[in-house]
Amino acid sequence: MVAVVTAANRPDHATTVAQMHRDRKAVFVDTLKWNIPVVDEEFEMDEYDTEAAVYLIAEDPETGCHLGSVRLVCTSGPHLLGEKFGFLCEGDVPVGDDVWEITRLCTMPGLTPASALNIRMQLVMALVEYALANGIKRYTMMTHTAYLSTLLAVGWDIEPLGMPADIEGQPVGALEISISPETLPRLRQLYGFQRPVLGSGRERSALAA
């Protein structure tokens, strides 16, 4: 299952959230060599890891260990694309209460390829379920163009927001993902998930205050 972690219930998931930030450092800083902030030489955290952020976290059902996660931020407030990478959009950066930004999607280092793929599929389903439960019509995100074919294979309705640009030596583009009621059954059929992957109904509709 995938937990919805907000400012309200973050203390209940403190150990898992701490491991998420450690794993983010291992993936984005140690492996991918991104030039992003690290706190106490251990946790990858930036200015968008605030009380406004919502985390969808795949947890081990027995240990509560972080297996994978993604960060969501409403674009009506400060967010990465709007504040730092707006030049990736040909027009205005999409913003609004029904437009949320996806960042920091990662899986725990050391998972087998099959397990990592399963966790990523759970997170994709969780993103759709969370959007439908909370009135989110669109997601925005940035990605290296090398991963674009992988994203298209996810089954999302994706549109580029502009031409890719070189960022630290790699081409990066901004994308918009449209979510509709038809998205969920299509992806469930594609991935073979017939039941919700998010936690309780209350979690599915829990927005960060």
Protein backbone atom coordinates (compact mmCIF):
# COMPACT_ATOMS: atom_id res chain seq x y z
CA MET A 1 0.00 0.00 0.00
CA VAL A 2 0.96 3.63 -0.47
CA ALA A 3 0.56 6.08 2.41
CA VAL A 4 -0.48 9.70 1.99
CA VAL A 5 1.80 11.70 4.27
CA THR A 6 0.86 15.30 5.00
CA ALA A 7 1.80 17.85 7.63
CA ALA A 8 -1.03 16.49 9.81
CA ASN A 9 0.15 12.88 9.97
CA ARG A 10 3.88 13.28 9.32
CA PRO A 11 4.82 12.52 12.96
CA ASP A 12 3.16 9.11 12.57
CA HIS A 13 5.48 8.38 9.63
CA ALA A 14 8.61 10.08 10.99
CA THR A 15 10.93 7.08 10.62
CA THR A 16 9.76 6.36 7.08
CA VAL A 17 10.04 10.02 6.06
CA ALA A 18 13.60 10.18 7.43
CA GLN A 19 14.52 7.10 5.41
CA MET A 20 12.90 8.66 2.34
CA HIS A 21 15.21 11.67 2.62
CA ARG A 22 18.22 9.35 3.07
CA ASP A 23 17.23 7.35 0.00
CA ARG A 24 16.69 10.54 -1.98
CA LYS A 25 20.27 11.55 -1.15
CA ALA A 26 21.55 8.13 -2.23
CA VAL A 27 19.67 8.32 -5.54
CA PHE A 28 19.81 11.96 -6.56
CA VAL A 29 23.06 13.16 -4.97
CA ASP A 30 25.30 10.11 -4.61
CA THR A 31 24.27 8.28 -7.79
CA LEU A 32 22.92 10.89 -10.20
CA LYS A 33 25.23 13.66 -8.92
CA TRP A 34 22.53 16.34 -8.81
CA ASN A 35 23.68 19.62 -7.33
CA ILE A 36 20.92 19.92 -4.72
CA PRO A 37 20.91 20.60 -0.96
CA VAL A 38 21.86 17.96 1.62
CA VAL A 39 21.06 18.45 5.30
CA ASP A 40 23.47 17.12 7.96
CA GLU A 41 25.33 15.23 5.19
CA GLU A 42 22.54 12.66 5.34
CA PHE A 43 19.16 13.94 4.11
CA GLU A 44 18.28 15.33 0.68
CA MET A 45 15.87 18.17 1.43
CA ASP A 46 15.16 21.48 -0.25
CA GLU A 47 12.96 24.52 0.26
CA TYR A 48 9.91 22.70 -1.14
CA ASP A 49 9.96 20.03 1.57
CA THR A 50 7.60 22.11 3.67
CA GLU A 51 4.37 21.52 5.53
CA ALA A 52 2.60 22.17 2.23
CA ALA A 53 4.23 19.13 0.61
CA VAL A 54 2.33 15.86 0.32
CA TYR A 55 4.31 12.63 0.04
CA LEU A 56 2.99 9.41 -1.44
CA ILE A 57 5.16 6.74 0.17
CA ALA A 58 5.22 3.03 -0.61
CA GLU A 59 5.99 1.36 2.70
CA ASP A 60 6.98 -2.19 3.52
CA PRO A 61 3.81 -3.63 5.11
CA GLU A 62 5.77 -5.42 7.85
CA THR A 63 8.55 -2.99 8.74
CA GLY A 64 7.22 0.37 7.52
CA CYS A 65 10.48 0.80 5.59
CA HIS A 66 10.52 3.33 2.75
CA LEU A 67 10.36 1.49 -0.59
CA GLY A 68 9.61 4.41 -2.87
CA SER A 69 8.02 7.83 -2.85
CA VAL A 70 7.06 10.96 -4.73
CA ARG A 71 6.57 14.55 -3.59
CA LEU A 72 3.52 16.61 -4.55
CA VAL A 73 3.22 20.39 -4.23
CA CYS A 74 0.23 22.51 -5.23
CA THR A 75 1.24 25.02 -7.90
CA SER A 76 -0.88 27.78 -6.37
CA GLY A 77 2.06 28.17 -3.95
CA PRO A 78 5.84 28.05 -4.33
CA HIS A 79 7.04 25.15 -6.48
CA LEU A 80 10.16 24.14 -8.36
CA LEU A 81 9.02 24.60 -11.97
CA GLY A 82 7.37 27.94 -11.30
CA GLU A 83 10.20 29.49 -9.32
CA LYS A 84 13.34 28.06 -10.92
CA PHE A 85 12.63 26.38 -14.24
CA GLY A 86 9.87 28.43 -15.85
CA PHE A 87 12.10 28.85 -18.92
CA LEU A 88 11.25 25.24 -19.79
CA CYS A 89 7.67 26.31 -20.58
CA GLU A 90 6.90 27.88 -23.94
CA GLY A 91 3.98 29.78 -22.41
CA ASP A 92 3.00 30.48 -18.84
CA VAL A 93 3.79 27.89 -16.20
CA PRO A 94 0.53 26.02 -15.42
CA VAL A 95 -0.66 26.97 -11.95
CA GLY A 96 -3.82 26.62 -9.87
CA ASP A 97 -5.44 24.70 -7.06
CA ASP A 98 -6.14 21.82 -9.47
CA VAL A 99 -2.57 21.70 -10.84
CA TRP A 100 0.05 19.93 -8.70
CA GLU A 101 3.74 19.39 -9.30
CA ILE A 102 5.43 15.95 -9.18
CA THR A 103 9.06 15.87 -8.02
CA ARG A 104 11.57 13.55 -6.34
CA LEU A 105 10.09 10.25 -7.50
CA CYS A 106 12.50 7.54 -6.38
CA THR A 107 12.73 3.96 -5.18
CA MET A 108 14.87 2.57 -2.40
CA PRO A 109 18.40 1.70 -3.56
CA GLY A 110 19.13 -2.02 -3.63
CA LEU A 111 15.71 -3.22 -4.77
CA THR A 112 15.72 -5.82 -7.52
CA PRO A 113 14.71 -4.42 -10.93
CA ALA A 114 11.38 -6.25 -10.71
CA SER A 115 10.65 -4.92 -7.23
CA ALA A 116 11.62 -1.36 -8.20
CA LEU A 117 9.33 -1.55 -11.24
CA ASN A 118 6.44 -2.76 -9.07
CA ILE A 119 6.97 0.13 -6.63
CA ARG A 120 7.04 2.66 -9.48
CA MET A 121 3.79 1.23 -10.84
CA GLN A 122 2.21 1.52 -7.39
CA LEU A 123 3.30 5.16 -7.20
CA VAL A 124 1.85 5.90 -10.64
CA MET A 125 -1.47 4.39 -9.56
CA ALA A 126 -1.32 6.30 -6.29
CA LEU A 127 -0.79 9.58 -8.16
CA VAL A 128 -3.93 8.96 -10.21
CA GLU A 129 -6.01 7.87 -7.21
CA TYR A 130 -4.88 10.88 -5.19
CA ALA A 131 -5.65 13.26 -8.05
CA LEU A 132 -9.16 11.92 -8.56
CA ALA A 133 -9.91 12.01 -4.83
CA ASN A 134 -8.72 15.61 -4.44
CA GLY A 135 -9.85 17.44 -7.56
CA ILE A 136 -6.44 17.53 -9.23
CA LYS A 137 -6.90 17.84 -13.00
CA ARG A 138 -3.26 18.15 -14.06
CA TYR A 139 0.22 17.31 -12.84
CA THR A 140 3.36 19.07 -13.99
CA MET A 141 6.84 17.62 -13.82
CA MET A 142 10.34 17.88 -15.24
CA THR A 143 12.35 15.00 -16.61
CA HIS A 144 15.54 14.26 -18.46
CA THR A 145 14.60 13.57 -22.08
CA ALA A 146 16.31 10.15 -21.85
CA TYR A 147 13.41 9.06 -19.61
CA LEU A 148 10.64 10.42 -21.86
CA SER A 149 9.95 7.13 -23.61
CA THR A 150 9.62 5.44 -20.22
CA LEU A 151 7.11 8.06 -19.09
CA LEU A 152 5.09 7.71 -22.28
CA ALA A 153 4.93 3.95 -21.67
CA VAL A 154 3.30 4.63 -18.28
CA GLY A 155 0.00 5.29 -20.06
CA TRP A 156 -0.46 8.87 -18.93
CA ASP A 157 -1.91 11.60 -21.15
CA ILE A 158 1.28 13.68 -21.48
CA GLU A 159 1.95 16.94 -23.31
CA PRO A 160 5.28 18.82 -23.45
CA LEU A 161 5.19 22.36 -22.07
CA GLY A 162 8.10 23.54 -24.18
CA MET A 163 11.36 22.55 -25.79
CA PRO A 164 13.99 20.81 -23.65
CA ALA A 165 16.89 22.88 -22.39
CA ASP A 166 20.37 21.98 -21.21
CA ILE A 167 20.61 21.83 -17.42
CA GLU A 168 23.99 20.84 -15.99
CA GLY A 169 24.93 19.12 -19.21
CA GLN A 170 21.73 17.13 -19.75
CA PRO A 171 18.59 17.93 -21.76
CA VAL A 172 15.58 18.43 -19.48
CA GLY A 173 11.98 19.09 -20.43
CA ALA A 174 8.78 20.12 -18.63
CA LEU A 175 5.62 18.07 -19.06
CA GLU A 176 1.93 18.30 -18.23
CA ILE A 177 -0.08 15.20 -17.33
CA SER A 178 -3.86 15.34 -17.61
CA ILE A 179 -5.91 13.24 -15.19
CA SER A 180 -9.53 12.26 -15.90
CA PRO A 181 -11.91 9.60 -14.55
CA GLU A 182 -10.94 7.44 -17.54
CA THR A 183 -7.29 7.43 -16.51
CA LEU A 184 -7.73 5.10 -13.53
CA PRO A 185 -9.46 2.13 -15.22
CA ARG A 186 -7.06 2.39 -18.17
CA LEU A 187 -4.00 2.17 -15.94
CA ARG A 188 -5.53 -0.53 -13.74
CA GLN A 189 -6.01 -2.67 -16.82
CA LEU A 190 -2.49 -1.88 -18.04
CA TYR A 191 -0.79 -2.67 -14.71
CA GLY A 192 -3.12 -5.33 -13.34
CA PHE A 193 -4.04 -3.42 -10.14
CA GLN A 194 -7.73 -4.01 -9.46
CA ARG A 195 -7.82 -2.54 -5.95
CA PRO A 196 -6.82 0.92 -4.68
CA VAL A 197 -3.15 1.23 -3.77
CA LEU A 198 -3.56 4.22 -1.45
CA GLY A 199 -4.31 3.76 2.24
CA SER A 200 -7.65 4.49 3.88
CA GLY A 201 -10.35 6.61 2.30
CA ARG A 202 -9.48 9.39 4.73
CA GLU A 203 -5.86 9.29 3.54
CA ARG A 204 -6.90 9.34 -0.10
CA SER A 205 -8.68 12.65 0.42
CA ALA A 206 -6.22 14.23 2.85
CA LEU A 207 -4.78 17.47 1.51
CA ALA A 208 -1.98 19.21 3.34
CA ALA A 209 -3.25 22.15 5.33
